[in-house]
């Protein structure tokens, strides 16, 4: 595999908060379509297409699949077969926090679970270290000090370069950040859900806290599990996430929601963009946001989404119109 020579000319890179780490504005998430029953040929094409477009960051978690662990195994094969010569040009991130194996040590935020999980992830990926290791979710059954110690030990053991937090609120992140600062652990990034249809991080304080603390913020589900695309405007297609009824329920795609999405698509058309490109641009307009994580089922979707880099800034009228459409919808 020989990547395109001009791949770094087409992508934009942003410092992750106040750290020295730069991430592409668009990164590839392996939450969906990298599991046991998915096409390995298609996975490979998507990863190589992404790298050709300057996407250097590939994001996984221990439980991504299905089956849990299979996304790491498949990406590990792609790394070994196609991208091993470019390891120093890549950012590979993984996470631990959700259920992974049976017994009392198979999920949460304990030092035992997170240490064992990272060791398993490295074996599946075929790597000596990951660039970012996240605690995937707050764990009310484990003191936050213990979970942060697990991240610190991962970094200081050389198994990770940076620590990250996922699905923490603003208040939770600030408490964790104080501990990691005392431990002198390089905590640089938060990963949370955010989109035109989901303003949660505005309401729970994380958006403001990330900016205040100088921490990076990378967004997952910026397209609301595919709702903010053209895919569901004419019905629910076979093979789509909504048909699988896992994270996006078919019953939630109501006529009222379709009407709202059609209005948003019209705003996108006036901007000369697809609905997906406008939705990504809307997230990226926030100065606190380092980048977005996209999911894809084919290389063409990755190419379309990277088109957001050509988006024009939003005017005040467009932002107000989008807010009105969402409120009324």
C-alpha atoms as a PDB file:
ATOM      1  CA  UNK A   1       0.000   0.000   0.000  1.00  0.00           C
ATOM      2  CA  UNK A   2       1.373   3.395  -1.028  1.00  0.00           C
ATOM      3  CA  UNK A   3      -0.611   6.351   0.381  1.00  0.00           C
ATOM      4  CA  UNK A   4      -1.195   9.521  -1.594  1.00  0.00           C
ATOM      5  CA  UNK A   5       1.744  11.888  -1.375  1.00  0.00           C
ATOM      6  CA  UNK A   6      -0.411  14.989  -0.915  1.00  0.00           C
ATOM      7  CA  UNK A   7      -2.637  13.556   1.833  1.00  0.00           C
ATOM      8  CA  UNK A   8      -1.467  16.093   4.384  1.00  0.00           C
ATOM      9  CA  UNK A   9      -2.290  18.980   2.085  1.00  0.00           C
ATOM     10  CA  UNK A  10      -6.005  18.162   2.042  1.00  0.00           C
ATOM     11  CA  UNK A  11      -6.621  17.796   5.803  1.00  0.00           C
ATOM     12  CA  UNK A  12      -6.537  20.431   8.538  1.00  0.00           C
ATOM     13  CA  UNK A  13      -5.031  19.657  11.944  1.00  0.00           C
ATOM     14  CA  UNK A  14      -5.785  21.343  15.266  1.00  0.00           C
ATOM     15  CA  UNK A  15      -3.954  21.300  18.579  1.00  0.00           C
ATOM     16  CA  UNK A  16      -5.749  19.215  21.164  1.00  0.00           C
ATOM     17  CA  UNK A  17      -6.527  21.873  23.754  1.00  0.00           C
ATOM     18  CA  UNK A  18      -3.302  23.371  25.068  1.00  0.00           C
ATOM     19  CA  UNK A  19      -1.293  20.195  24.454  1.00  0.00           C
ATOM     20  CA  UNK A  20       1.270  19.651  21.729  1.00  0.00           C
ATOM     21  CA  UNK A  21      -0.827  16.898  20.136  1.00  0.00           C
ATOM     22  CA  UNK A  22      -2.510  17.763  16.846  1.00  0.00           C
ATOM     23  CA  UNK A  23      -5.554  15.875  15.567  1.00  0.00           C
ATOM     24  CA  UNK A  24      -7.239  15.994  12.174  1.00  0.00           C
ATOM     25  CA  UNK A  25     -10.499  17.911  12.046  1.00  0.00           C
ATOM     26  CA  UNK A  26     -12.112  14.670  10.853  1.00  0.00           C
ATOM     27  CA  UNK A  27     -11.168  11.341  12.451  1.00  0.00           C
ATOM     28  CA  UNK A  28     -12.468   7.844  11.757  1.00  0.00           C
ATOM     29  CA  UNK A  29     -14.370   5.967  14.461  1.00  0.00           C
ATOM     30  CA  UNK A  30     -14.637   2.174  14.347  1.00  0.00           C
ATOM     31  CA  UNK A  31     -17.747   1.866  16.524  1.00  0.00           C
ATOM     32  CA  UNK A  32     -19.807   0.393  13.677  1.00  0.00           C
ATOM     33  CA  UNK A  33     -18.998  -1.754  10.626  1.00  0.00           C
ATOM     34  CA  UNK A  34     -15.741  -3.199  11.966  1.00  0.00           C
ATOM     35  CA  UNK A  35     -17.217  -6.217  13.735  1.00  0.00           C
ATOM     36  CA  UNK A  36     -17.165  -9.964  13.325  1.00  0.00           C
ATOM     37  CA  UNK A  37     -19.801 -10.123  10.589  1.00  0.00           C
ATOM     38  CA  UNK A  38     -18.631  -7.119   8.565  1.00  0.00           C
ATOM     39  CA  UNK A  39     -16.581  -7.229   5.372  1.00  0.00           C
ATOM     40  CA  UNK A  40     -12.851  -7.101   6.098  1.00  0.00           C
ATOM     41  CA  UNK A  41     -12.207  -5.929   2.530  1.00  0.00           C
ATOM     42  CA  UNK A  42     -14.556  -2.987   3.065  1.00  0.00           C
ATOM     43  CA  UNK A  43     -12.949  -2.154   6.433  1.00  0.00           C
ATOM     44  CA  UNK A  44      -9.554  -2.082   4.771  1.00  0.00           C
ATOM     45  CA  UNK A  45     -10.769   0.162   1.961  1.00  0.00           C
ATOM     46  CA  UNK A  46     -12.299   2.579   4.444  1.00  0.00           C
ATOM     47  CA  UNK A  47      -9.118   2.837   6.515  1.00  0.00           C
ATOM     48  CA  UNK A  48      -6.898   3.316   3.460  1.00  0.00           C
ATOM     49  CA  UNK A  49      -9.291   5.892   1.988  1.00  0.00           C
ATOM     50  CA  UNK A  50      -9.244   7.756   5.281  1.00  0.00           C
ATOM     51  CA  UNK A  51      -5.434   7.767   5.428  1.00  0.00           C
ATOM     52  CA  UNK A  52      -5.238   8.949   1.814  1.00  0.00           C
ATOM     53  CA  UNK A  53      -7.450  11.892   2.824  1.00  0.00           C
ATOM     54  CA  UNK A  54      -5.136  12.846   5.683  1.00  0.00           C
ATOM     55  CA  UNK A  55      -7.115  11.185   8.473  1.00  0.00           C
ATOM     56  CA  UNK A  56      -4.423  10.076  10.885  1.00  0.00           C
ATOM     57  CA  UNK A  57      -6.601   9.323  13.930  1.00  0.00           C
ATOM     58  CA  UNK A  58      -8.435   5.999  14.272  1.00  0.00           C
ATOM     59  CA  UNK A  59     -10.638   5.600  17.352  1.00  0.00           C
ATOM     60  CA  UNK A  60     -11.715   2.270  18.882  1.00  0.00           C
ATOM     61  CA  UNK A  61     -12.840   0.828  22.219  1.00  0.00           C
ATOM     62  CA  UNK A  62     -12.342  -2.562  23.831  1.00  0.00           C
ATOM     63  CA  UNK A  63     -16.024  -3.496  23.381  1.00  0.00           C
ATOM     64  CA  UNK A  64     -16.537  -2.362  19.776  1.00  0.00           C
ATOM     65  CA  UNK A  65     -17.785  -5.122  17.510  1.00  0.00           C
ATOM     66  CA  UNK A  66     -19.859  -7.136  17.692  1.00  0.00           C
ATOM     67  CA  UNK A  67     -18.395  -9.368  19.071  1.00  0.00           C
ATOM     68  CA  UNK A  68     -16.612  -7.265  21.719  1.00  0.00           C
ATOM     69  CA  UNK A  69     -12.956  -6.926  20.816  1.00  0.00           C
ATOM     70  CA  UNK A  70     -13.445  -7.693  17.141  1.00  0.00           C
ATOM     71  CA  UNK A  71     -13.024  -4.096  15.969  1.00  0.00           C
ATOM     72  CA  UNK A  72      -9.601  -3.988  17.641  1.00  0.00           C
ATOM     73  CA  UNK A  73      -8.692  -7.356  16.124  1.00  0.00           C
ATOM     74  CA  UNK A  74      -9.746  -6.271  12.631  1.00  0.00           C
ATOM     75  CA  UNK A  75      -7.985  -2.932  12.860  1.00  0.00           C
ATOM     76  CA  UNK A  76      -4.912  -4.738  14.177  1.00  0.00           C
ATOM     77  CA  UNK A  77      -4.914  -6.873  11.014  1.00  0.00           C
ATOM     78  CA  UNK A  78      -5.199  -3.760   8.852  1.00  0.00           C
ATOM     79  CA  UNK A  79      -2.334  -2.131  10.724  1.00  0.00           C
ATOM     80  CA  UNK A  80      -0.134  -5.190  10.270  1.00  0.00           C
ATOM     81  CA  UNK A  81      -0.990  -5.809   6.612  1.00  0.00           C
ATOM     82  CA  UNK A  82      -1.257  -2.245   5.274  1.00  0.00           C
ATOM     83  CA  UNK A  83      -0.232   0.498   7.699  1.00  0.00           C
ATOM     84  CA  UNK A  84       2.620  -0.856   9.830  1.00  0.00           C
ATOM     85  CA  UNK A  85       5.185   1.259   7.974  1.00  0.00           C
ATOM     86  CA  UNK A  86       3.194   4.384   8.881  1.00  0.00           C
ATOM     87  CA  UNK A  87       2.666   3.741  12.612  1.00  0.00           C
ATOM     88  CA  UNK A  88       4.473   6.945  13.580  1.00  0.00           C
ATOM     89  CA  UNK A  89       2.056   8.919  11.379  1.00  0.00           C
ATOM     90  CA  UNK A  90      -1.003   7.503  13.147  1.00  0.00           C
ATOM     91  CA  UNK A  91      -2.933   8.253  16.311  1.00  0.00           C
ATOM     92  CA  UNK A  92      -4.615   5.108  17.638  1.00  0.00           C
ATOM     93  CA  UNK A  93      -6.974   5.497  20.586  1.00  0.00           C
ATOM     94  CA  UNK A  94      -8.899   2.931  22.595  1.00  0.00           C
ATOM     95  CA  UNK A  95     -11.078   2.899  25.720  1.00  0.00           C
ATOM     96  CA  UNK A  96     -12.146   0.833  28.707  1.00  0.00           C
ATOM     97  CA  UNK A  97     -15.218   1.267  30.863  1.00  0.00           C
ATOM     98  CA  UNK A  98     -18.151  -0.769  29.583  1.00  0.00           C
ATOM     99  CA  UNK A  99     -18.796  -4.501  30.015  1.00  0.00           C
ATOM    100  CA  UNK A 100     -16.133  -6.617  28.385  1.00  0.00           C
ATOM    101  CA  UNK A 101     -15.917 -10.017  30.119  1.00  0.00           C
ATOM    102  CA  UNK A 102     -17.707 -12.014  32.779  1.00  0.00           C
ATOM    103  CA  UNK A 103     -17.063 -11.728  36.499  1.00  0.00           C
ATOM    104  CA  UNK A 104     -16.577  -8.805  38.877  1.00  0.00           C
ATOM    105  CA  UNK A 105     -13.553  -7.359  37.033  1.00  0.00           C
ATOM    106  CA  UNK A 106     -15.037  -7.082  33.528  1.00  0.00           C
ATOM    107  CA  UNK A 107     -16.248  -3.494  33.459  1.00  0.00           C
ATOM    108  CA  UNK A 108     -16.251  -0.173  35.306  1.00  0.00           C
ATOM    109  CA  UNK A 109     -13.276   1.895  36.330  1.00  0.00           C
ATOM    110  CA  UNK A 110     -11.206  -0.164  38.743  1.00  0.00           C
ATOM    111  CA  UNK A 111      -7.448  -0.334  38.452  1.00  0.00           C
ATOM    112  CA  UNK A 112      -7.774  -4.092  37.944  1.00  0.00           C
ATOM    113  CA  UNK A 113     -10.242  -3.830  35.044  1.00  0.00           C
ATOM    114  CA  UNK A 114      -8.626  -0.945  33.213  1.00  0.00           C
ATOM    115  CA  UNK A 115      -5.117  -2.408  33.429  1.00  0.00           C
ATOM    116  CA  UNK A 116      -6.258  -5.820  32.206  1.00  0.00           C
ATOM    117  CA  UNK A 117      -8.393  -4.261  29.475  1.00  0.00           C
ATOM    118  CA  UNK A 118      -5.551  -2.187  28.061  1.00  0.00           C
ATOM    119  CA  UNK A 119      -3.274  -5.236  28.000  1.00  0.00           C
ATOM    120  CA  UNK A 120      -5.949  -7.142  26.072  1.00  0.00           C
ATOM    121  CA  UNK A 121      -6.452  -4.233  23.667  1.00  0.00           C
ATOM    122  CA  UNK A 122      -2.744  -4.014  22.893  1.00  0.00           C
ATOM    123  CA  UNK A 123      -2.653  -7.739  22.116  1.00  0.00           C
ATOM    124  CA  UNK A 124      -5.634  -7.468  19.773  1.00  0.00           C
ATOM    125  CA  UNK A 125      -4.182  -4.410  18.047  1.00  0.00           C
ATOM    126  CA  UNK A 126      -0.689  -5.874  17.838  1.00  0.00           C
ATOM    127  CA  UNK A 127       0.780  -2.665  19.284  1.00  0.00           C
ATOM    128  CA  UNK A 128       3.234  -1.855  22.054  1.00  0.00           C
ATOM    129  CA  UNK A 129       1.295   1.291  22.967  1.00  0.00           C
ATOM    130  CA  UNK A 130      -1.772   3.313  22.031  1.00  0.00           C
ATOM    131  CA  UNK A 131      -1.585   7.045  21.603  1.00  0.00           C
ATOM    132  CA  UNK A 132      -4.677   7.818  23.706  1.00  0.00           C
ATOM    133  CA  UNK A 133      -6.255   5.633  26.395  1.00  0.00           C
ATOM    134  CA  UNK A 134      -9.690   6.741  27.587  1.00  0.00           C
ATOM    135  CA  UNK A 135     -11.816   5.921  30.565  1.00  0.00           C
ATOM    136  CA  UNK A 136     -14.997   5.265  28.579  1.00  0.00           C
ATOM    137  CA  UNK A 137     -17.521   6.355  31.218  1.00  0.00           C
ATOM    138  CA  UNK A 138     -17.744   7.547  34.819  1.00  0.00           C
ATOM    139  CA  UNK A 139     -18.162   4.639  37.247  1.00  0.00           C
ATOM    140  CA  UNK A 140     -20.172   5.444  40.366  1.00  0.00           C
ATOM    141  CA  UNK A 141     -18.965   2.234  42.043  1.00  0.00           C
ATOM    142  CA  UNK A 142     -15.279   3.175  41.817  1.00  0.00           C
ATOM    143  CA  UNK A 143     -13.609   6.239  43.381  1.00  0.00           C
ATOM    144  CA  UNK A 144     -12.602   8.625  40.632  1.00  0.00           C
ATOM    145  CA  UNK A 145      -9.104   8.689  42.178  1.00  0.00           C
ATOM    146  CA  UNK A 146      -8.688   4.994  41.372  1.00  0.00           C
ATOM    147  CA  UNK A 147      -9.835   5.352  37.756  1.00  0.00           C
ATOM    148  CA  UNK A 148      -7.473   8.281  37.240  1.00  0.00           C
ATOM    149  CA  UNK A 149      -4.637   6.301  38.808  1.00  0.00           C
ATOM    150  CA  UNK A 150      -5.318   3.585  36.232  1.00  0.00           C
ATOM    151  CA  UNK A 151      -4.931   6.129  33.419  1.00  0.00           C
ATOM    152  CA  UNK A 152      -1.775   7.505  35.022  1.00  0.00           C
ATOM    153  CA  UNK A 153      -0.223   4.045  35.342  1.00  0.00           C
ATOM    154  CA  UNK A 154      -1.088   3.261  31.717  1.00  0.00           C
ATOM    155  CA  UNK A 155       0.825   6.334  30.582  1.00  0.00           C
ATOM    156  CA  UNK A 156       3.776   5.939  32.936  1.00  0.00           C
ATOM    157  CA  UNK A 157       4.149   2.275  31.996  1.00  0.00           C
ATOM    158  CA  UNK A 158       4.567   3.294  28.355  1.00  0.00           C
ATOM    159  CA  UNK A 159       1.367   1.543  27.241  1.00  0.00           C
ATOM    160  CA  UNK A 160      -0.295   4.873  26.355  1.00  0.00           C
ATOM    161  CA  UNK A 161       1.004   8.334  25.530  1.00  0.00           C
ATOM    162  CA  UNK A 162      -1.987  10.447  26.594  1.00  0.00           C
ATOM    163  CA  UNK A 163      -5.010  10.022  28.864  1.00  0.00           C
ATOM    164  CA  UNK A 164      -8.574  10.846  27.867  1.00  0.00           C
ATOM    165  CA  UNK A 165     -12.067  10.896  29.353  1.00  0.00           C
ATOM    166  CA  UNK A 166     -15.281   9.929  27.582  1.00  0.00           C
ATOM    167  CA  UNK A 167     -18.899  10.673  28.530  1.00  0.00           C
ATOM    168  CA  UNK A 168     -17.929  12.777  31.564  1.00  0.00           C
ATOM    169  CA  UNK A 169     -19.938  15.892  32.421  1.00  0.00           C
ATOM    170  CA  UNK A 170     -18.246  19.232  32.981  1.00  0.00           C
ATOM    171  CA  UNK A 171     -18.233  18.816  36.766  1.00  0.00           C
ATOM    172  CA  UNK A 172     -16.956  15.245  36.566  1.00  0.00           C
ATOM    173  CA  UNK A 173     -14.219  16.234  34.136  1.00  0.00           C
ATOM    174  CA  UNK A 174     -13.015  19.082  36.356  1.00  0.00           C
ATOM    175  CA  UNK A 175     -12.732  16.748  39.348  1.00  0.00           C
ATOM    176  CA  UNK A 176     -10.825  14.171  37.302  1.00  0.00           C
ATOM    177  CA  UNK A 177      -8.579  16.837  35.782  1.00  0.00           C
ATOM    178  CA  UNK A 178      -7.451  18.011  39.228  1.00  0.00           C
ATOM    179  CA  UNK A 179      -6.376  14.488  40.142  1.00  0.00           C
ATOM    180  CA  UNK A 180      -4.556  13.907  36.850  1.00  0.00           C
ATOM    181  CA  UNK A 181      -2.816  17.256  37.207  1.00  0.00           C
ATOM    182  CA  UNK A 182      -1.538  16.245  40.659  1.00  0.00           C
ATOM    183  CA  UNK A 183      -0.322  12.958  39.196  1.00  0.00           C
ATOM    184  CA  UNK A 184       1.376  14.895  36.358  1.00  0.00           C
ATOM    185  CA  UNK A 185      -0.456  12.699  33.850  1.00  0.00           C
ATOM    186  CA  UNK A 186      -0.957  14.200  30.356  1.00  0.00           C
ATOM    187  CA  UNK A 187      -4.761  14.348  30.196  1.00  0.00           C
ATOM    188  CA  UNK A 188      -5.456  16.115  26.898  1.00  0.00           C
ATOM    189  CA  UNK A 189      -8.875  15.138  25.497  1.00  0.00           C
ATOM    190  CA  UNK A 190     -12.558  14.534  26.155  1.00  0.00           C
ATOM    191  CA  UNK A 191     -14.770  12.449  23.868  1.00  0.00           C
ATOM    192  CA  UNK A 192     -18.503  13.094  24.013  1.00  0.00           C
ATOM    193  CA  UNK A 193     -21.662  13.035  21.953  1.00  0.00           C
ATOM    194  CA  UNK A 194     -22.829  16.320  20.361  1.00  0.00           C
ATOM    195  CA  UNK A 195     -24.877  17.261  17.323  1.00  0.00           C
ATOM    196  CA  UNK A 196     -27.535  19.612  15.996  1.00  0.00           C
ATOM    197  CA  UNK A 197     -30.056  17.230  17.587  1.00  0.00           C
ATOM    198  CA  UNK A 198     -28.169  16.608  20.850  1.00  0.00           C
ATOM    199  CA  UNK A 199     -26.962  19.633  22.839  1.00  0.00           C
ATOM    200  CA  UNK A 200     -26.113  17.685  26.002  1.00  0.00           C
ATOM    201  CA  UNK A 201     -22.556  18.984  26.481  1.00  0.00           C
ATOM    202  CA  UNK A 202     -23.855  22.551  26.366  1.00  0.00           C
ATOM    203  CA  UNK A 203     -26.243  21.704  29.215  1.00  0.00           C
ATOM    204  CA  UNK A 204     -23.971  19.573  31.422  1.00  0.00           C
ATOM    205  CA  UNK A 205     -21.119  22.078  31.400  1.00  0.00           C
ATOM    206  CA  UNK A 206     -18.549  20.043  29.483  1.00  0.00           C
ATOM    207  CA  UNK A 207     -18.285  22.388  26.496  1.00  0.00           C
ATOM    208  CA  UNK A 208     -17.496  25.348  28.744  1.00  0.00           C
ATOM    209  CA  UNK A 209     -15.232  23.341  31.055  1.00  0.00           C
ATOM    210  CA  UNK A 210     -13.129  21.985  28.188  1.00  0.00           C
ATOM    211  CA  UNK A 211     -12.527  25.498  26.923  1.00  0.00           C
ATOM    212  CA  UNK A 212     -11.812  26.810  30.406  1.00  0.00           C
ATOM    213  CA  UNK A 213      -9.283  24.057  31.168  1.00  0.00           C
ATOM    214  CA  UNK A 214      -7.643  23.993  27.747  1.00  0.00           C
ATOM    215  CA  UNK A 215      -8.571  20.362  27.111  1.00  0.00           C
ATOM    216  CA  UNK A 216      -9.357  18.960  23.703  1.00  0.00           C
ATOM    217  CA  UNK A 217     -12.877  17.898  22.787  1.00  0.00           C
ATOM    218  CA  UNK A 218     -13.580  15.345  20.081  1.00  0.00           C
ATOM    219  CA  UNK A 219     -17.189  14.655  19.151  1.00  0.00           C
ATOM    220  CA  UNK A 220     -18.801  11.312  18.428  1.00  0.00           C
ATOM    221  CA  UNK A 221     -22.223  10.864  16.796  1.00  0.00           C
ATOM    222  CA  UNK A 222     -22.098  14.326  15.139  1.00  0.00           C
ATOM    223  CA  UNK A 223     -24.571  12.926  12.588  1.00  0.00           C
ATOM    224  CA  UNK A 224     -26.879  11.534  15.307  1.00  0.00           C
ATOM    225  CA  UNK A 225     -26.311   7.896  14.308  1.00  0.00           C
ATOM    226  CA  UNK A 226     -26.998   8.739  10.662  1.00  0.00           C
ATOM    227  CA  UNK A 227     -30.186  10.763  11.184  1.00  0.00           C
ATOM    228  CA  UNK A 228     -28.427  13.915   9.982  1.00  0.00           C
ATOM    229  CA  UNK A 229     -27.879  12.460   6.517  1.00  0.00           C
ATOM    230  CA  UNK A 230     -30.134  11.815   3.529  1.00  0.00           C
ATOM    231  CA  UNK A 231     -30.383   8.127   4.428  1.00  0.00           C
ATOM    232  CA  UNK A 232     -33.724   8.132   6.252  1.00  0.00           C
ATOM    233  CA  UNK A 233     -35.611  10.849   4.415  1.00  0.00           C
ATOM    234  CA  UNK A 234     -37.383   8.383   2.123  1.00  0.00           C
ATOM    235  CA  UNK A 235     -37.893   5.527   4.561  1.00  0.00           C
ATOM    236  CA  UNK A 236     -35.685   3.185   6.572  1.00  0.00           C
ATOM    237  CA  UNK A 237     -33.386   1.208   4.242  1.00  0.00           C
ATOM    238  CA  UNK A 238     -32.456  -2.415   4.838  1.00  0.00           C
ATOM    239  CA  UNK A 239     -29.108  -2.864   6.552  1.00  0.00           C
ATOM    240  CA  UNK A 240     -29.212   0.583   8.167  1.00  0.00           C
ATOM    241  CA  UNK A 241     -28.590   1.203  11.869  1.00  0.00           C
ATOM    242  CA  UNK A 242     -32.288   1.903  12.401  1.00  0.00           C
ATOM    243  CA  UNK A 243     -33.228  -1.484  10.922  1.00  0.00           C
ATOM    244  CA  UNK A 244     -30.842  -3.143  13.368  1.00  0.00           C
ATOM    245  CA  UNK A 245     -32.611  -1.279  16.212  1.00  0.00           C
ATOM    246  CA  UNK A 246     -29.466  -1.114  18.322  1.00  0.00           C
ATOM    247  CA  UNK A 247     -28.484   2.513  18.909  1.00  0.00           C
ATOM    248  CA  UNK A 248     -31.013   4.135  16.585  1.00  0.00           C
ATOM    249  CA  UNK A 249     -34.587   2.846  16.886  1.00  0.00           C
ATOM    250  CA  UNK A 250     -36.734   2.622  13.757  1.00  0.00           C
ATOM    251  CA  UNK A 251     -39.770   3.693  15.796  1.00  0.00           C
ATOM    252  CA  UNK A 252     -38.038   6.979  16.663  1.00  0.00           C
ATOM    253  CA  UNK A 253     -37.951   8.056  13.006  1.00  0.00           C
ATOM    254  CA  UNK A 254     -41.398   9.651  13.033  1.00  0.00           C
ATOM    255  CA  UNK A 255     -43.057  11.703  10.263  1.00  0.00           C
ATOM    256  CA  UNK A 256     -42.490  14.801  12.393  1.00  0.00           C
ATOM    257  CA  UNK A 257     -38.787  14.061  12.652  1.00  0.00           C
ATOM    258  CA  UNK A 258     -38.536  13.448   8.899  1.00  0.00           C
ATOM    259  CA  UNK A 259     -40.200  16.803   8.291  1.00  0.00           C
ATOM    260  CA  UNK A 260     -37.651  18.484  10.561  1.00  0.00           C
ATOM    261  CA  UNK A 261     -34.754  16.762   8.778  1.00  0.00           C
ATOM    262  CA  UNK A 262     -36.105  17.863   5.386  1.00  0.00           C
ATOM    263  CA  UNK A 263     -36.118  21.468   6.591  1.00  0.00           C
ATOM    264  CA  UNK A 264     -32.534  21.100   7.788  1.00  0.00           C
ATOM    265  CA  UNK A 265     -31.569  19.618   4.422  1.00  0.00           C
ATOM    266  CA  UNK A 266     -32.999  22.695   2.716  1.00  0.00           C
ATOM    267  CA  UNK A 267     -30.728  24.909   4.838  1.00  0.00           C
ATOM    268  CA  UNK A 268     -27.800  22.714   3.810  1.00  0.00           C
ATOM    269  CA  UNK A 269     -28.727  23.032   0.136  1.00  0.00           C
ATOM    270  CA  UNK A 270     -28.769  26.815   0.470  1.00  0.00           C
ATOM    271  CA  UNK A 271     -25.234  26.538   1.828  1.00  0.00           C
ATOM    272  CA  UNK A 272     -24.201  24.316  -1.091  1.00  0.00           C
ATOM    273  CA  UNK A 273     -23.687  21.267   1.158  1.00  0.00           C
ATOM    274  CA  UNK A 274     -25.187  17.909   1.935  1.00  0.00           C
ATOM    275  CA  UNK A 275     -27.082  17.580   5.207  1.00  0.00           C
ATOM    276  CA  UNK A 276     -24.204  15.521   6.631  1.00  0.00           C
ATOM    277  CA  UNK A 277     -21.608  18.138   5.712  1.00  0.00           C
ATOM    278  CA  UNK A 278     -23.682  20.915   7.288  1.00  0.00           C
ATOM    279  CA  UNK A 279     -24.167  18.870  10.462  1.00  0.00           C
ATOM    280  CA  UNK A 280     -20.407  18.331  10.768  1.00  0.00           C
ATOM    281  CA  UNK A 281     -19.695  21.998  10.055  1.00  0.00           C
ATOM    282  CA  UNK A 282     -22.199  22.994  12.745  1.00  0.00           C
ATOM    283  CA  UNK A 283     -20.251  20.984  15.349  1.00  0.00           C
ATOM    284  CA  UNK A 284     -16.842  22.155  14.133  1.00  0.00           C
ATOM    285  CA  UNK A 285     -17.848  25.821  14.340  1.00  0.00           C
ATOM    286  CA  UNK A 286     -17.321  25.696  18.110  1.00  0.00           C
ATOM    287  CA  UNK A 287     -13.797  26.826  19.018  1.00  0.00           C
ATOM    288  CA  UNK A 288     -13.724  24.338  21.905  1.00  0.00           C
ATOM    289  CA  UNK A 289     -14.098  21.420  19.462  1.00  0.00           C
ATOM    290  CA  UNK A 290     -10.844  19.854  18.279  1.00  0.00           C
ATOM    291  CA  UNK A 291     -12.461  17.548  15.723  1.00  0.00           C
ATOM    292  CA  UNK A 292     -15.272  15.166  14.875  1.00  0.00           C
ATOM    293  CA  UNK A 293     -15.357  11.374  14.759  1.00  0.00           C
ATOM    294  CA  UNK A 294     -17.224  10.026  11.771  1.00  0.00           C
ATOM    295  CA  UNK A 295     -18.507   6.506  11.298  1.00  0.00           C
ATOM    296  CA  UNK A 296     -18.872   5.091   7.816  1.00  0.00           C
ATOM    297  CA  UNK A 297     -20.136   2.032   5.992  1.00  0.00           C
ATOM    298  CA  UNK A 298     -18.228   2.685   2.756  1.00  0.00           C
ATOM    299  CA  UNK A 299     -15.327   4.807   1.455  1.00  0.00           C
ATOM    300  CA  UNK A 300     -17.701   7.163  -0.360  1.00  0.00           C
ATOM    301  CA  UNK A 301     -19.194   8.327   2.941  1.00  0.00           C
ATOM    302  CA  UNK A 302     -15.734   9.209   4.230  1.00  0.00           C
ATOM    303  CA  UNK A 303     -15.003  11.265   1.118  1.00  0.00           C
ATOM    304  CA  UNK A 304     -18.331  13.088   1.458  1.00  0.00           C
ATOM    305  CA  UNK A 305     -17.764  13.867   5.125  1.00  0.00           C
ATOM    306  CA  UNK A 306     -14.246  15.187   4.564  1.00  0.00           C
ATOM    307  CA  UNK A 307     -15.897  17.677   2.218  1.00  0.00           C
ATOM    308  CA  UNK A 308     -16.825  19.604   5.361  1.00  0.00           C
ATOM    309  CA  UNK A 309     -13.347  21.134   5.224  1.00  0.00           C
ATOM    310  CA  UNK A 310     -14.602  23.358   2.388  1.00  0.00           C
ATOM    311  CA  UNK A 311     -17.617  24.593   4.373  1.00  0.00           C
ATOM    312  CA  UNK A 312     -18.239  28.311   4.746  1.00  0.00           C
ATOM    313  CA  UNK A 313     -18.798  29.791   8.224  1.00  0.00           C
ATOM    314  CA  UNK A 314     -22.382  29.979   9.439  1.00  0.00           C
ATOM    315  CA  UNK A 315     -24.061  33.356   9.468  1.00  0.00           C
ATOM    316  CA  UNK A 316     -26.207  34.360  12.442  1.00  0.00           C
ATOM    317  CA  UNK A 317     -29.404  33.894  10.432  1.00  0.00           C
ATOM    318  CA  UNK A 318     -28.497  30.307   9.528  1.00  0.00           C
ATOM    319  CA  UNK A 319     -27.698  29.400  13.122  1.00  0.00           C
ATOM    320  CA  UNK A 320     -30.979  30.899  14.311  1.00  0.00           C
ATOM    321  CA  UNK A 321     -32.917  29.088  11.584  1.00  0.00           C
ATOM    322  CA  UNK A 322     -31.365  25.736  12.534  1.00  0.00           C
ATOM    323  CA  UNK A 323     -32.244  26.322  16.187  1.00  0.00           C
ATOM    324  CA  UNK A 324     -35.817  27.234  15.277  1.00  0.00           C
ATOM    325  CA  UNK A 325     -36.252  24.141  13.114  1.00  0.00           C
ATOM    326  CA  UNK A 326     -34.978  21.902  15.917  1.00  0.00           C
ATOM    327  CA  UNK A 327     -37.172  23.592  18.526  1.00  0.00           C
ATOM    328  CA  UNK A 328     -40.286  23.262  16.411  1.00  0.00           C
ATOM    329  CA  UNK A 329     -39.391  19.681  15.472  1.00  0.00           C
END
